[in-house]
C-alpha atoms as a PDB file:
ATOM      1  CA  MET A   1     -12.724 -19.878  49.314  1.00  0.00           C
ATOM      2  CA  LYS A   2     -12.663 -19.903  53.084  1.00  0.00           C
ATOM      3  CA  ASP A   3     -14.387 -23.279  53.099  1.00  0.00           C
ATOM      4  CA  GLN A   4     -11.775 -24.817  50.800  1.00  0.00           C
ATOM      5  CA  GLN A   5      -8.927 -23.703  53.048  1.00  0.00           C
ATOM      6  CA  ALA A   6     -10.623 -25.153  56.188  1.00  0.00           C
ATOM      7  CA  ARG A   7     -11.553 -28.417  54.570  1.00  0.00           C
ATOM      8  CA  PRO A   8      -8.096 -29.976  54.250  1.00  0.00           C
ATOM      9  CA  ALA A   9      -7.212 -29.119  57.795  1.00  0.00           C
ATOM     10  CA  ALA A  10     -10.472 -30.931  58.901  1.00  0.00           C
ATOM     11  CA  ASP A  11      -9.675 -33.839  56.919  1.00  0.00           C
ATOM     12  CA  ALA A  12      -6.116 -34.126  58.192  1.00  0.00           C
ATOM     13  CA  PRO A  13      -5.541 -36.902  60.730  1.00  0.00           C
ATOM     14  CA  ALA A  14      -5.565 -35.813  64.262  1.00  0.00           C
ATOM     15  CA  ARG A  15      -2.278 -35.446  65.926  1.00  0.00           C
ATOM     16  CA  ASN A  16      -1.324 -38.012  68.676  1.00  0.00           C
ATOM     17  CA  THR A  17      -1.336 -35.890  71.905  1.00  0.00           C
ATOM     18  CA  ARG A  18      -0.778 -39.057  74.049  1.00  0.00           C
ATOM     19  CA  ASN A  19       2.988 -38.991  73.476  1.00  0.00           C
ATOM     20  CA  THR A  20       3.608 -35.365  74.367  1.00  0.00           C
ATOM     21  CA  GLY A  21       4.397 -33.720  77.618  1.00  0.00           C
ATOM     22  CA  PRO A  22       3.803 -35.938  80.657  1.00  0.00           C
ATOM     23  CA  GLY A  23       2.818 -38.698  78.194  1.00  0.00           C
ATOM     24  CA  ARG A  24       6.344 -39.071  77.077  1.00  0.00           C
ATOM     25  CA  LEU A  25       7.351 -39.717  80.869  1.00  0.00           C
ATOM     26  CA  LEU A  26       4.431 -42.364  81.046  1.00  0.00           C
ATOM     27  CA  ILE A  27       5.595 -44.022  77.847  1.00  0.00           C
ATOM     28  CA  ALA A  28       9.189 -44.111  79.132  1.00  0.00           C
ATOM     29  CA  VAL A  29       8.224 -45.677  82.500  1.00  0.00           C
ATOM     30  CA  TYR A  30       6.138 -48.229  80.491  1.00  0.00           C
ATOM     31  CA  GLY A  31       9.056 -48.905  78.359  1.00  0.00           C
ATOM     32  CA  VAL A  32      11.365 -49.473  81.419  1.00  0.00           C
ATOM     33  CA  PHE A  33       8.858 -51.850  82.631  1.00  0.00           C
ATOM     34  CA  ALA A  34       8.574 -53.600  79.469  1.00  0.00           C
ATOM     35  CA  ILE A  35      12.376 -54.196  79.197  1.00  0.00           C
ATOM     36  CA  SER A  36      12.787 -55.079  82.854  1.00  0.00           C
ATOM     37  CA  ALA A  37       9.642 -57.453  83.039  1.00  0.00           C
ATOM     38  CA  THR A  38      10.812 -59.168  79.800  1.00  0.00           C
ATOM     39  CA  ALA A  39      14.318 -59.699  81.102  1.00  0.00           C
ATOM     40  CA  ARG A  40      13.159 -60.883  84.424  1.00  0.00           C
ATOM     41  CA  ALA A  41      10.623 -63.288  82.965  1.00  0.00           C
ATOM     42  CA  GLY A  42      13.067 -64.612  80.417  1.00  0.00           C
ATOM     43  CA  TYR A  43      15.710 -65.181  83.051  1.00  0.00           C
ATOM     44  CA  GLN A  44      13.203 -66.853  85.580  1.00  0.00           C
ATOM     45  CA  ILE A  45      11.783 -69.087  82.845  1.00  0.00           C
ATOM     46  CA  LEU A  46      15.134 -70.212  81.413  1.00  0.00           C
ATOM     47  CA  THR A  47      16.836 -70.806  84.819  1.00  0.00           C
ATOM     48  CA  LYS A  48      14.274 -71.851  87.357  1.00  0.00           C
ATOM     49  CA  PHE A  49      10.885 -72.284  85.795  1.00  0.00           C
ATOM     50  CA  SER A  50      10.169 -75.568  87.841  1.00  0.00           C
ATOM     51  CA  GLU A  51      10.418 -73.524  90.992  1.00  0.00           C
ATOM     52  CA  ALA A  52       7.193 -71.327  90.329  1.00  0.00           C
ATOM     53  CA  PRO A  53       5.820 -71.876  87.006  1.00  0.00           C
ATOM     54  CA  LEU A  54       2.688 -69.870  87.578  1.00  0.00           C
ATOM     55  CA  ALA A  55       4.624 -66.852  88.885  1.00  0.00           C
ATOM     56  CA  TYR A  56       7.033 -66.922  85.987  1.00  0.00           C
ATOM     57  CA  LEU A  57       4.244 -67.345  83.422  1.00  0.00           C
ATOM     58  CA  LEU A  58       2.587 -64.300  84.949  1.00  0.00           C
ATOM     59  CA  SER A  59       5.777 -62.316  84.748  1.00  0.00           C
ATOM     60  CA  ALA A  60       5.922 -63.187  81.031  1.00  0.00           C
ATOM     61  CA  PHE A  61       2.344 -62.161  80.595  1.00  0.00           C
ATOM     62  CA  ALA A  62       2.979 -58.939  82.519  1.00  0.00           C
ATOM     63  CA  ALA A  63       5.999 -58.220  80.242  1.00  0.00           C
ATOM     64  CA  LEU A  64       3.801 -58.720  77.138  1.00  0.00           C
ATOM     65  CA  VAL A  65       1.121 -56.244  78.517  1.00  0.00           C
ATOM     66  CA  TYR A  66       3.910 -53.686  79.188  1.00  0.00           C
ATOM     67  CA  VAL A  67       5.191 -54.062  75.683  1.00  0.00           C
ATOM     68  CA  VAL A  68       1.698 -53.617  74.073  1.00  0.00           C
ATOM     69  CA  ALA A  69       1.040 -50.629  76.419  1.00  0.00           C
ATOM     70  CA  THR A  70       4.333 -48.963  75.588  1.00  0.00           C
ATOM     71  CA  VAL A  71       3.843 -49.356  71.722  1.00  0.00           C
ATOM     72  CA  SER A  72       0.155 -48.405  71.786  1.00  0.00           C
ATOM     73  CA  LEU A  73       0.629 -45.231  73.896  1.00  0.00           C
ATOM     74  CA  ALA A  74       3.294 -44.071  71.436  1.00  0.00           C
ATOM     75  CA  LYS A  75       1.274 -44.623  68.370  1.00  0.00           C
ATOM     76  CA  ALA A  76      -1.373 -42.199  66.992  1.00  0.00           C
ATOM     77  CA  GLY A  77      -4.861 -43.151  65.956  1.00  0.00           C
ATOM     78  CA  SER A  78      -8.211 -44.117  67.547  1.00  0.00           C
ATOM     79  CA  THR A  79      -7.285 -47.888  67.182  1.00  0.00           C
ATOM     80  CA  TRP A  80      -4.085 -47.489  69.023  1.00  0.00           C
ATOM     81  CA  PHE A  81      -5.984 -45.524  71.644  1.00  0.00           C
ATOM     82  CA  LYS A  82      -8.319 -48.393  72.054  1.00  0.00           C
ATOM     83  CA  VAL A  83      -5.362 -50.857  72.205  1.00  0.00           C
ATOM     84  CA  SER A  84      -3.889 -48.596  74.987  1.00  0.00           C
ATOM     85  CA  VAL A  85      -7.009 -48.540  77.051  1.00  0.00           C
ATOM     86  CA  ALA A  86      -7.341 -52.363  76.691  1.00  0.00           C
ATOM     87  CA  ALA A  87      -3.653 -53.000  77.749  1.00  0.00           C
ATOM     88  CA  VAL A  88      -3.786 -50.679  80.751  1.00  0.00           C
ATOM     89  CA  LEU A  89      -7.048 -52.159  81.927  1.00  0.00           C
ATOM     90  CA  VAL A  90      -5.582 -55.625  81.510  1.00  0.00           C
ATOM     91  CA  GLU A  91      -2.620 -54.448  83.609  1.00  0.00           C
ATOM     92  CA  LEU A  92      -4.820 -53.018  86.294  1.00  0.00           C
ATOM     93  CA  ALA A  93      -6.706 -56.099  86.418  1.00  0.00           C
ATOM     94  CA  GLY A  94      -3.588 -58.223  86.570  1.00  0.00           C
ATOM     95  CA  VAL A  95      -2.148 -56.224  89.386  1.00  0.00           C
ATOM     96  CA  LEU A  96      -5.275 -56.502  91.379  1.00  0.00           C
ATOM     97  CA  VAL A  97      -5.861 -60.213  90.783  1.00  0.00           C
ATOM     98  CA  VAL A  98      -2.261 -61.325  91.151  1.00  0.00           C
ATOM     99  CA  GLY A  99      -1.750 -58.999  94.126  1.00  0.00           C
ATOM    100  CA  THR A 100      -4.677 -60.323  95.878  1.00  0.00           C
ATOM    101  CA  LEU A 101      -3.890 -64.066  95.061  1.00  0.00           C
ATOM    102  CA  SER A 102      -0.241 -63.533  96.160  1.00  0.00           C
ATOM    103  CA  VAL A 103      -1.440 -62.230  99.563  1.00  0.00           C
ATOM    104  CA  LEU A 104      -4.184 -64.914 100.005  1.00  0.00           C
ATOM    105  CA  ASP A 105      -2.303 -68.047  98.470  1.00  0.00           C
ATOM    106  CA  SER A 106       1.389 -67.347  98.906  1.00  0.00           C
ATOM    107  CA  VAL A 107       2.036 -70.994  98.232  1.00  0.00           C
ATOM    108  CA  GLN A 108       1.277 -70.499  94.444  1.00  0.00           C
ATOM    109  CA  PHE A 109       3.653 -67.401  94.521  1.00  0.00           C
ATOM    110  CA  PRO A 110       6.814 -68.655  96.162  1.00  0.00           C
ATOM    111  CA  HIS A 111       8.797 -66.140  94.137  1.00  0.00           C
ATOM    112  CA  GLU A 112       7.573 -62.605  93.231  1.00  0.00           C
ATOM    113  CA  THR A 113       6.281 -61.411  89.974  1.00  0.00           C
ATOM    114  CA  VAL A 114       6.075 -57.915  88.900  1.00  0.00           C
ATOM    115  CA  TRP A 115       2.548 -57.810  90.012  1.00  0.00           C
ATOM    116  CA  SER A 116       2.887 -59.832  93.329  1.00  0.00           C
ATOM    117  CA  LEU A 117       1.832 -58.047  96.446  1.00  0.00           C
ATOM    118  CA  PHE A 118       0.460 -55.231  94.250  1.00  0.00           C
ATOM    119  CA  GLY A 119       3.968 -54.564  92.906  1.00  0.00           C
ATOM    120  CA  ARG A 120       5.596 -54.214  96.302  1.00  0.00           C
ATOM    121  CA  GLY A 121       9.022 -55.289  94.749  1.00  0.00           C
ATOM    122  CA  TYR A 122       8.783 -52.290  92.460  1.00  0.00           C
ATOM    123  CA  GLY A 123       7.654 -49.744  95.026  1.00  0.00           C
ATOM    124  CA  PHE A 124       4.091 -50.234  94.127  1.00  0.00           C
ATOM    125  CA  ILE A 125       4.597 -48.505  90.801  1.00  0.00           C
ATOM    126  CA  PRO A 126       2.745 -51.480  89.116  1.00  0.00           C
ATOM    127  CA  LEU A 127      -0.272 -50.495  91.022  1.00  0.00           C
ATOM    128  CA  LEU A 128      -0.117 -46.858  90.490  1.00  0.00           C
ATOM    129  CA  LEU A 129       1.007 -47.016  86.775  1.00  0.00           C
ATOM    130  CA  PRO A 130      -2.245 -48.198  85.224  1.00  0.00           C
ATOM    131  CA  ILE A 131      -4.286 -45.688  87.337  1.00  0.00           C
ATOM    132  CA  LEU A 132      -2.120 -42.839  85.991  1.00  0.00           C
ATOM    133  CA  GLY A 133      -2.250 -44.328  82.566  1.00  0.00           C
ATOM    134  CA  LEU A 134      -6.090 -44.462  82.587  1.00  0.00           C
ATOM    135  CA  VAL A 135      -6.287 -40.876  83.799  1.00  0.00           C
ATOM    136  CA  TRP A 136      -3.928 -39.753  80.945  1.00  0.00           C
ATOM    137  CA  LEU A 137      -5.802 -41.693  78.396  1.00  0.00           C
ATOM    138  CA  TYR A 138      -9.081 -40.158  79.546  1.00  0.00           C
ATOM    139  CA  ARG A 139      -7.651 -36.695  79.304  1.00  0.00           C
ATOM    140  CA  ARG A 140      -6.094 -37.335  75.911  1.00  0.00           C
ATOM    141  CA  ARG A 141      -9.022 -39.385  74.466  1.00  0.00           C
ATOM    142  CA  PRO A 142      -9.722 -38.804  70.697  1.00  0.00           C
ATOM    143  CA  SER A 143     -12.397 -36.147  70.094  1.00  0.00           C
ATOM    144  CA  GLN A 144     -15.475 -37.474  68.492  1.00  0.00           C
ATOM    145  CA  ALA A 145     -15.545 -36.186  64.933  1.00  0.00           C
ATOM    146  CA  LYS A 146     -18.690 -34.427  64.030  1.00  0.00           C
ATOM    147  CA  ALA A 147     -20.400 -35.784  60.983  1.00  0.00           C
ATOM    148  CA  ALA A 148     -20.608 -33.335  58.154  1.00  0.00           C
ATOM    149  CA  PRO A 149     -24.108 -32.531  56.846  1.00  0.00           C
END
């Protein structure tokens, strides 16, 4: 009888703990960045794309990454967890690559993007956010389900 009562709980899907506590703040910050980067990229592309096409396309890419990260952090399940990790890793790589290129080749970046100069225009939050995101994801990673005999 005890086995039967424990079994349904074991078969129940794991609760998403990524969107609780400090995770809510993380998701909110990603949401703000998703909205602001999307608005900024849209405005830049529509009004002055010819001035800095590379920078504005990178802003649009950053916006897409922030949208994916926001949604995937809020969703439950191991697939969404993997999407979150991928999005945050792409974000970190983007910040590091674009930040470095914007320092070394400022001619290609006459106008700043979210990730230019490692996010200087945003108080370096774009550099810190993926690091915090990866730490949070590591601490909230799905537990490995033990195979039943």
